[in-house]
Protein backbone atom coordinates (compact mmCIF):
# COMPACT_ATOMS: atom_id res chain seq x y z
CA MET A 1 28.78 20.47 23.30
CA THR A 2 28.54 17.03 21.34
CA ASN A 3 30.58 15.11 18.67
CA SER A 4 27.27 13.29 17.54
CA ILE A 5 24.99 13.67 14.46
CA THR A 6 21.70 12.77 13.50
CA ILE A 7 20.43 11.76 10.24
CA VAL A 8 16.68 11.68 9.10
CA GLY A 9 16.15 9.28 6.13
CA GLY A 10 17.46 5.76 5.53
CA GLY A 11 17.92 5.87 1.62
CA VAL A 12 21.06 5.84 -0.36
CA ALA A 13 22.06 9.56 0.84
CA GLY A 14 21.24 8.83 4.42
CA LEU A 15 23.12 5.63 4.60
CA THR A 16 26.15 7.40 2.52
CA ALA A 17 25.95 10.22 5.18
CA ALA A 18 25.87 7.75 8.08
CA ILE A 19 28.84 5.90 6.80
CA ALA A 20 30.90 9.10 5.85
CA CYS A 21 30.17 10.88 9.30
CA ALA A 22 30.97 7.76 11.15
CA GLU A 23 34.36 7.46 9.29
CA ARG A 24 35.11 11.15 10.22
CA GLY A 25 34.57 9.96 14.03
CA LEU A 26 31.00 11.08 14.74
CA ALA A 27 28.53 9.26 16.99
CA VAL A 28 25.87 8.62 14.31
CA THR A 29 22.03 8.04 15.07
CA LEU A 30 20.05 7.47 11.73
CA HIS A 31 16.18 7.60 11.68
CA GLU A 32 14.19 6.04 8.94
CA ALA A 33 10.03 6.12 9.04
CA HIS A 34 9.66 2.95 6.78
CA ARG A 35 10.36 -0.69 8.59
CA THR A 36 13.00 -1.14 5.70
CA LEU A 37 15.80 1.07 4.39
CA GLY A 38 16.79 2.15 1.05
CA GLY A 39 13.89 4.68 -0.14
CA ARG A 40 13.74 4.40 -3.63
CA ALA A 41 16.57 2.08 -3.63
CA ARG A 42 14.36 -0.73 -2.35
CA SER A 43 13.90 -3.90 -4.60
CA THR A 44 11.15 -6.22 -4.34
CA PRO A 45 11.67 -9.63 -2.40
CA GLY A 46 11.45 -11.88 -5.36
CA PRO A 47 11.29 -14.46 -6.92
CA TYR A 48 11.37 -11.45 -9.14
CA VAL A 49 14.09 -8.93 -7.71
CA ALA A 50 12.83 -5.60 -9.08
CA ASN A 51 14.55 -2.18 -8.29
CA ASP A 52 12.26 0.72 -7.69
CA GLY A 53 12.78 2.24 -11.11
CA THR A 54 15.48 1.41 -13.70
CA HIS A 55 18.51 1.83 -11.51
CA VAL A 56 21.99 1.34 -12.69
CA LEU A 57 25.31 2.87 -11.31
CA TYR A 58 27.92 4.41 -13.65
CA SER A 59 31.62 3.29 -13.15
CA ASP A 60 33.10 6.74 -14.44
CA GLY A 61 31.44 8.57 -11.39
CA GLU A 62 33.09 9.22 -8.05
CA PRO A 63 30.03 7.90 -6.09
CA PHE A 64 30.75 4.35 -7.59
CA ARG A 65 34.57 4.77 -6.95
CA TRP A 66 33.54 5.61 -3.19
CA LEU A 67 31.21 2.67 -2.83
CA ALA A 68 33.54 0.31 -4.44
CA GLU A 69 36.29 0.99 -2.19
CA ARG A 70 34.38 0.11 0.56
CA GLY A 71 32.97 -3.10 -0.99
CA LEU A 72 29.47 -1.96 -0.98
CA VAL A 73 28.68 -2.55 -4.94
CA GLN A 74 30.27 -5.75 -5.03
CA PRO A 75 29.41 -8.01 -6.59
CA PHE A 76 28.31 -6.26 -9.64
CA ALA A 77 27.66 -7.26 -13.20
CA ARG A 78 28.70 -5.26 -16.25
CA PRO A 79 27.08 -5.78 -19.89
CA SER A 80 29.10 -8.47 -21.98
CA ALA A 81 29.72 -8.28 -25.61
CA GLY A 82 26.86 -10.68 -26.16
CA GLU A 83 24.52 -8.18 -24.40
CA LEU A 84 25.94 -5.11 -26.19
CA ALA A 85 25.12 -7.14 -29.49
CA LYS A 86 21.56 -7.30 -28.52
CA PHE A 87 21.09 -3.46 -27.69
CA ARG A 88 18.49 -2.05 -30.02
CA PHE A 89 16.62 1.29 -30.74
CA ARG A 90 13.08 2.22 -31.62
CA ARG A 91 13.18 4.94 -34.40
CA ASP A 92 10.24 5.77 -36.25
CA GLY A 93 8.29 3.18 -34.66
CA ARG A 94 10.55 0.32 -35.59
CA VAL A 95 13.06 -1.61 -33.45
CA ARG A 96 16.43 -0.93 -35.31
CA VAL A 97 20.14 -2.31 -34.67
CA ALA A 98 21.59 1.27 -34.79
CA PRO A 99 20.80 4.73 -33.88
CA PRO A 100 20.62 7.31 -36.53
CA LEU A 101 24.03 8.63 -37.79
CA ALA A 102 22.95 12.11 -37.09
CA LEU A 103 23.01 11.09 -33.33
CA LEU A 104 26.24 9.65 -33.52
CA ARG A 105 27.89 12.64 -35.31
CA ALA A 106 26.33 14.97 -32.70
CA VAL A 107 27.98 12.98 -29.76
CA ALA A 108 31.27 12.75 -31.58
CA HIS A 109 31.88 16.47 -30.19
CA ARG A 110 32.73 15.54 -26.97
CA ARG A 111 34.99 18.40 -26.04
CA LEU A 112 31.94 20.75 -26.78
CA SER A 113 30.27 22.68 -24.19
CA ALA A 114 26.78 23.68 -23.86
CA PRO A 115 25.20 26.80 -22.46
CA VAL A 116 23.31 26.73 -19.41
CA ASP A 117 21.00 29.42 -20.23
CA GLU A 118 19.46 27.91 -23.30
CA PRO A 119 16.88 25.12 -23.86
CA PHE A 120 18.65 22.07 -25.07
CA GLY A 121 16.25 21.97 -28.18
CA ASP A 122 17.01 25.11 -29.49
CA TRP A 123 20.88 24.76 -29.09
CA ALA A 124 21.04 21.39 -30.25
CA THR A 125 18.89 22.01 -33.36
CA ARG A 126 21.05 24.87 -34.27
CA ARG A 127 24.39 22.90 -33.69
CA PHE A 128 23.13 19.40 -35.16
CA GLY A 129 19.83 19.71 -36.65
CA PRO A 130 16.55 18.44 -35.94
CA ALA A 131 16.94 14.74 -36.43
CA ALA A 132 20.03 14.48 -34.25
CA THR A 133 18.21 16.59 -31.42
CA ARG A 134 15.03 14.31 -31.62
CA ALA A 135 17.13 11.14 -31.05
CA ALA A 136 19.26 12.86 -28.50
CA ALA A 137 16.15 13.85 -26.43
CA GLY A 138 14.72 10.53 -26.96
CA LEU A 139 17.66 8.80 -25.52
CA VAL A 140 18.14 10.97 -22.26
CA GLY A 141 14.58 10.49 -21.69
CA VAL A 142 15.04 7.68 -19.47
CA ILE A 143 17.71 9.46 -17.51
CA THR A 144 15.72 12.79 -16.92
CA TYR A 145 12.34 11.01 -16.46
CA THR A 146 11.10 13.86 -18.80
CA ALA A 147 8.96 13.61 -22.03
CA ASP A 148 10.49 16.75 -23.44
CA PRO A 149 14.12 17.32 -22.54
CA GLY A 150 14.44 19.79 -25.20
CA ARG A 151 13.12 22.34 -22.78
CA LEU A 152 15.56 21.67 -20.24
CA SER A 153 19.06 23.57 -19.96
CA ALA A 154 21.39 22.51 -22.76
CA ALA A 155 24.11 22.03 -20.31
CA PHE A 156 22.21 19.67 -18.14
CA VAL A 157 21.14 17.40 -21.07
CA TRP A 158 24.28 17.66 -22.92
CA GLU A 159 26.34 16.26 -19.85
CA ARG A 160 23.86 13.50 -19.47
CA LEU A 161 24.10 12.64 -23.15
CA LEU A 162 27.75 12.52 -23.05
CA ARG A 163 27.83 10.36 -19.91
CA ALA A 164 25.34 7.76 -21.49
CA THR A 165 27.22 7.60 -25.02
CA ALA A 166 30.79 7.59 -23.44
CA PRO A 167 33.09 5.70 -25.92
CA GLY A 168 34.72 2.47 -25.02
CA TRP A 169 33.55 -0.27 -22.86
CA PRO A 170 30.19 1.01 -21.16
CA ALA A 171 30.55 2.48 -17.78
CA VAL A 172 26.90 0.97 -16.56
CA ARG A 173 27.35 -1.41 -13.73
CA TYR A 174 24.30 -3.57 -12.09
CA VAL A 175 24.38 -4.42 -8.51
CA ARG A 176 23.92 -8.50 -8.26
CA GLY A 177 20.94 -9.24 -6.32
CA GLY A 178 19.13 -5.75 -6.97
CA TRP A 179 19.85 -2.39 -5.06
CA SER A 180 18.42 -3.74 -1.80
CA ALA A 181 21.68 -5.91 -1.41
CA MET A 182 23.50 -2.77 -1.76
CA VAL A 183 21.45 -1.10 0.99
CA ASP A 184 21.70 -3.88 3.19
CA ARG A 185 25.81 -3.83 2.67
CA MET A 186 25.69 -0.03 3.32
CA ALA A 187 23.60 -0.45 6.52
CA ALA A 188 25.88 -3.38 7.87
CA HIS A 189 29.13 -0.98 6.94
CA ALA A 190 27.64 1.83 8.95
CA ARG A 191 26.65 -0.05 11.83
CA SER A 192 30.26 -1.79 11.83
CA LEU A 193 31.62 1.82 12.26
CA GLY A 194 29.49 2.38 15.46
CA ALA A 195 26.21 3.95 13.75
CA ARG A 196 22.85 3.39 15.36
CA ILE A 197 20.39 2.71 12.62
CA ALA A 198 16.59 2.70 13.77
CA THR A 199 13.78 1.66 11.27
CA GLY A 200 10.25 2.53 11.89
CA GLU A 201 11.01 5.52 13.64
CA ARG A 202 9.49 8.91 12.10
CA VAL A 203 10.78 12.34 12.84
CA ASP A 204 8.23 14.80 12.83
CA ALA A 205 10.22 17.70 14.35
CA LEU A 206 13.87 18.68 13.77
CA PRO A 207 16.10 16.86 16.37
CA ASP A 208 18.28 19.02 18.70
CA GLY A 209 22.04 19.32 17.86
CA PRO A 210 23.56 18.91 14.11
CA VAL A 211 21.15 17.14 11.86
CA ILE A 212 21.57 15.72 8.34
CA VAL A 213 17.88 15.90 6.53
CA ALA A 214 18.21 12.97 4.16
CA THR A 215 14.79 13.03 2.98
CA GLY A 216 12.76 14.17 -0.33
CA LEU A 217 12.15 17.93 -0.64
CA ASP A 218 8.27 17.40 0.12
CA ALA A 219 9.24 15.81 3.72
CA ALA A 220 12.13 18.52 4.20
CA ARG A 221 9.77 21.17 3.47
CA ALA A 222 7.59 20.10 6.46
CA LEU A 223 10.56 19.17 8.78
CA LEU A 224 12.44 22.32 8.15
CA GLY A 225 9.45 24.82 7.78
CA ASP A 226 10.68 26.18 4.55
CA ALA A 227 8.36 26.42 1.75
CA SER A 228 11.33 27.45 -0.63
CA LEU A 229 12.57 23.86 -0.88
CA ARG A 230 11.30 23.07 -4.31
CA TRP A 231 12.88 22.00 -7.46
CA PRO A 232 11.38 20.45 -10.95
CA SER A 233 11.50 17.04 -10.95
CA GLY A 234 10.22 14.11 -13.66
CA ARG A 235 7.17 12.08 -14.00
CA ALA A 236 6.98 8.71 -15.89
CA ALA A 237 5.26 5.32 -15.94
CA LEU A 238 7.15 2.13 -14.74
CA LEU A 239 6.26 -1.07 -15.74
CA ASP A 240 8.11 -4.48 -14.25
CA LEU A 241 7.37 -7.65 -15.88
CA GLY A 242 8.32 -11.32 -15.12
CA LEU A 243 8.21 -13.14 -18.25
CA ARG A 244 8.85 -16.68 -19.48
CA ALA A 245 12.31 -16.56 -21.28
CA ASP A 246 12.38 -16.05 -25.06
CA ARG A 247 16.07 -16.26 -26.41
CA ARG A 248 14.90 -13.95 -29.31
CA ASP A 249 14.38 -11.03 -26.96
CA PRO A 250 16.71 -8.00 -26.90
CA PHE A 251 18.73 -7.16 -24.05
CA VAL A 252 17.79 -3.31 -24.12
CA VAL A 253 15.35 -1.13 -26.57
CA SER A 254 16.21 2.68 -26.16
CA ASP A 255 13.13 4.19 -27.56
CA LEU A 256 14.33 7.33 -29.38
CA ASP A 257 10.83 8.12 -30.51
CA GLU A 258 9.21 8.68 -26.96
CA GLY A 259 11.95 8.74 -24.59
CA GLY A 260 11.26 5.20 -23.13
CA PHE A 261 13.45 2.10 -22.38
CA VAL A 262 12.94 -1.43 -22.02
CA GLU A 263 15.65 -3.60 -20.52
CA ARG A 264 15.89 -7.11 -19.26
CA TYR A 265 17.72 -6.72 -16.07
CA SER A 266 18.17 -10.40 -15.48
CA ARG A 267 20.21 -10.79 -18.52
CA PRO A 268 23.50 -9.54 -16.87
CA ASP A 269 22.36 -10.76 -13.29
CA PRO A 270 20.25 -14.07 -13.70
CA SER A 271 19.75 -13.92 -10.00
CA LEU A 272 16.73 -11.53 -10.56
CA ALA A 273 14.44 -14.12 -12.09
CA PRO A 274 13.47 -17.90 -11.51
CA ALA A 275 15.50 -20.22 -13.76
CA GLY A 276 13.59 -20.08 -17.47
CA HIS A 277 12.14 -16.70 -16.82
CA THR A 278 13.47 -13.08 -17.34
CA LEU A 279 12.83 -9.68 -15.43
CA VAL A 280 12.00 -6.67 -17.65
CA GLN A 281 11.81 -3.11 -16.36
CA ALA A 282 10.28 -0.48 -18.74
CA GLU A 283 9.88 3.18 -18.22
CA LEU A 284 8.26 5.84 -20.09
CA PRO A 285 8.15 9.78 -19.44
CA ALA A 286 4.82 11.24 -19.20
CA ALA A 287 3.85 14.34 -20.89
CA ALA A 288 2.60 17.34 -18.70
CA ASP A 289 -0.60 16.44 -17.11
CA GLU A 290 -0.99 13.25 -19.19
CA PRO A 291 -3.16 10.85 -17.08
CA VAL A 292 -1.40 7.75 -15.74
CA PRO A 293 -3.59 5.42 -17.80
CA ALA A 294 -2.71 7.08 -20.91
CA VAL A 295 1.23 6.96 -20.54
CA THR A 296 0.82 3.70 -19.34
CA ALA A 297 -0.94 2.60 -22.50
CA ARG A 298 1.97 4.14 -24.50
CA LEU A 299 4.37 2.24 -22.35
CA GLU A 300 2.50 -1.07 -23.11
CA ALA A 301 2.83 -0.30 -26.74
CA LEU A 302 6.50 0.31 -26.52
CA VAL A 303 6.76 -3.16 -25.03
CA ASP A 304 4.57 -4.50 -27.73
CA VAL A 305 7.23 -3.25 -30.16
CA ALA A 306 10.24 -4.16 -28.13
CA LEU A 307 9.12 -7.81 -26.97
CA PRO A 308 6.43 -9.28 -29.49
CA GLY A 309 4.22 -11.85 -27.71
CA TRP A 310 5.20 -10.62 -24.21
CA ARG A 311 1.72 -10.37 -23.03
CA GLU A 312 1.18 -14.26 -23.54
CA ARG A 313 4.32 -14.86 -21.23
CA VAL A 314 3.67 -12.60 -18.31
CA THR A 315 3.93 -14.38 -14.85
CA TRP A 316 4.39 -11.28 -12.68
CA ARG A 317 3.52 -7.68 -13.23
CA ARG A 318 4.17 -4.57 -11.20
CA ASP A 319 2.96 -0.97 -12.33
CA ALA A 320 3.89 2.18 -10.75
CA PHE A 321 4.09 5.95 -11.72
CA ALA A 322 6.92 8.03 -10.43
CA ASN A 323 5.76 11.82 -10.20
CA GLY A 324 8.05 14.24 -8.57
CA ARG A 325 10.58 11.80 -7.06
CA THR A 326 12.83 11.24 -9.90
CA GLY A 327 15.87 13.49 -9.01
CA ALA A 328 16.32 17.06 -10.06
CA VAL A 329 16.24 18.50 -13.60
CA ASP A 330 17.45 21.90 -14.60
CA LEU A 331 15.70 24.32 -16.48
CA PRO A 332 17.34 27.00 -18.64
CA GLY A 333 19.31 29.44 -16.77
CA PHE A 334 19.74 27.13 -13.69
CA SER A 335 22.55 24.45 -12.83
CA TRP A 336 22.89 22.16 -10.05
CA ARG A 337 24.51 24.97 -7.78
CA ASP A 338 21.18 26.92 -7.94
CA ARG A 339 19.39 23.94 -6.47
CA PRO A 340 18.44 23.73 -2.63
CA ALA A 341 21.78 24.22 -0.59
CA ILE A 342 23.11 21.55 1.22
CA ASP A 343 24.42 23.70 4.29
CA ARG A 344 20.94 25.18 5.64
CA GLY A 345 22.92 26.91 8.66
CA GLU A 346 22.74 26.69 12.38
CA GLY A 347 23.86 23.11 12.10
CA VAL A 348 21.52 21.60 9.59
CA TRP A 349 22.16 20.08 6.13
CA LEU A 350 20.08 18.74 3.48
CA VAL A 351 21.07 15.92 1.19
CA GLY A 352 19.37 13.97 -1.39
CA ASP A 353 19.09 13.88 -5.37
CA SER A 354 17.45 17.22 -5.64
CA VAL A 355 20.09 19.39 -3.98
CA ALA A 356 23.13 21.41 -4.96
CA ALA A 357 25.38 18.68 -5.84
CA PRO A 358 26.79 17.40 -9.04
CA GLY A 359 25.96 14.00 -10.82
CA MET A 360 23.14 12.13 -12.48
CA LEU A 361 20.18 10.70 -10.58
CA ALA A 362 21.46 8.70 -7.37
CA GLU A 363 24.90 10.06 -7.85
CA VAL A 364 23.39 13.47 -6.80
CA ALA A 365 22.50 12.02 -3.23
CA ILE A 366 25.76 10.29 -2.65
CA ASN A 367 27.79 13.21 -3.59
CA SER A 368 25.63 15.56 -1.49
CA ALA A 369 25.84 13.23 1.62
CA LEU A 370 29.80 13.30 1.03
CA LEU A 371 29.96 17.01 0.70
CA ALA A 372 27.70 17.49 3.87
CA ALA A 373 30.08 14.83 5.82
CA VAL A 374 33.30 16.81 4.78
CA LYS A 375 32.22 19.72 6.47
CA LEU A 376 31.68 17.73 9.64
CA SER A 377 33.97 16.74 12.30
CA PRO A 378 33.75 16.07 15.97
CA SER A 379 34.70 19.72 16.49
CA THR A 380 32.46 21.19 13.91
CA ALA A 381 29.57 19.19 15.06
CA ALA A 382 30.07 20.61 18.54
CA LYS A 383 30.15 23.89 17.06
CA ALA A 384 27.07 23.15 15.30
CA SER A 385 25.16 21.80 18.42
CA THR A 386 26.24 25.04 20.35
CA ALA A 387 24.63 27.15 17.59
CA ARG A 388 21.54 25.36 17.69
CA ASP A 389 21.07 25.61 21.37
């Protein structure tokens, strides 16, 4: 019998699980295969500090509140009135100040529920018309990493659309210093609670005793020997740019034409770029089987429209392609409850951004880890260890 728990994976899900389990009185050991913690929450070391993707947190979600209660996201920045005044939209190939009126009318129906079993494109076109549906799909492209959100479950897309367009002061929050700063605080907090965190330790066989697997589904399939651990995800081109600053640049350009996004992350957090420079992170979902060079060229064309003259101002650049590592997307007929279960039985739990937990993107990883931890205590861990022996 034991009151210990082993965690495999040191990303946001694994670190959340480590903290939550340690708070419940468990002896925690976390193994991370890489030399650095964070998984997809890592940031570049500088002088341009770029997250691995266009990361933000939403303060209206329980994961943000859980992190904030422990001082793990502080200090953070929120969009100022001046930054919001520089929010732009690409529509019909041009950068505009406002989204189409049809989209504003659609998202005003905030009490409306969307069906799980119907594609968003069909449902939204019937309810709001084609113009609003196209704009809505473009707006959530960056959230879903999907070139055609219209094919996804209407309930899935509608929930994300309402979160992104919530009235009042925006809920978006930026962790100052990049997400690696948050990861460092999470690791330090877990260690202060007694957790042992080891990096550079790859786990190739499922450990004895109760274990939380906090990896992507590809690694989890191999570790658990379960070929059913699959779920659709997105694919997108990512482009990070260090530029000489130009005060005429917009803060954000949301691409309603193709679902892309261009954002000056150093505007709310100047520490992300050297003085006189700016950090831009851009994303564009790739169509099914679209070659990487083709979607990268489309993304560069979006940046051409958003930031004219950017090519002459580049001092640093990083290209990446996210394929199947962007969190779960739900097709018609499926919801988050249908994704791979967290409790795998016999003292094994699976957490991450593609499992059966609610929320958007990283929120799924945090929520799944908290759901796993709430099932654990010294007594339940001991029973799980007995079941595995």
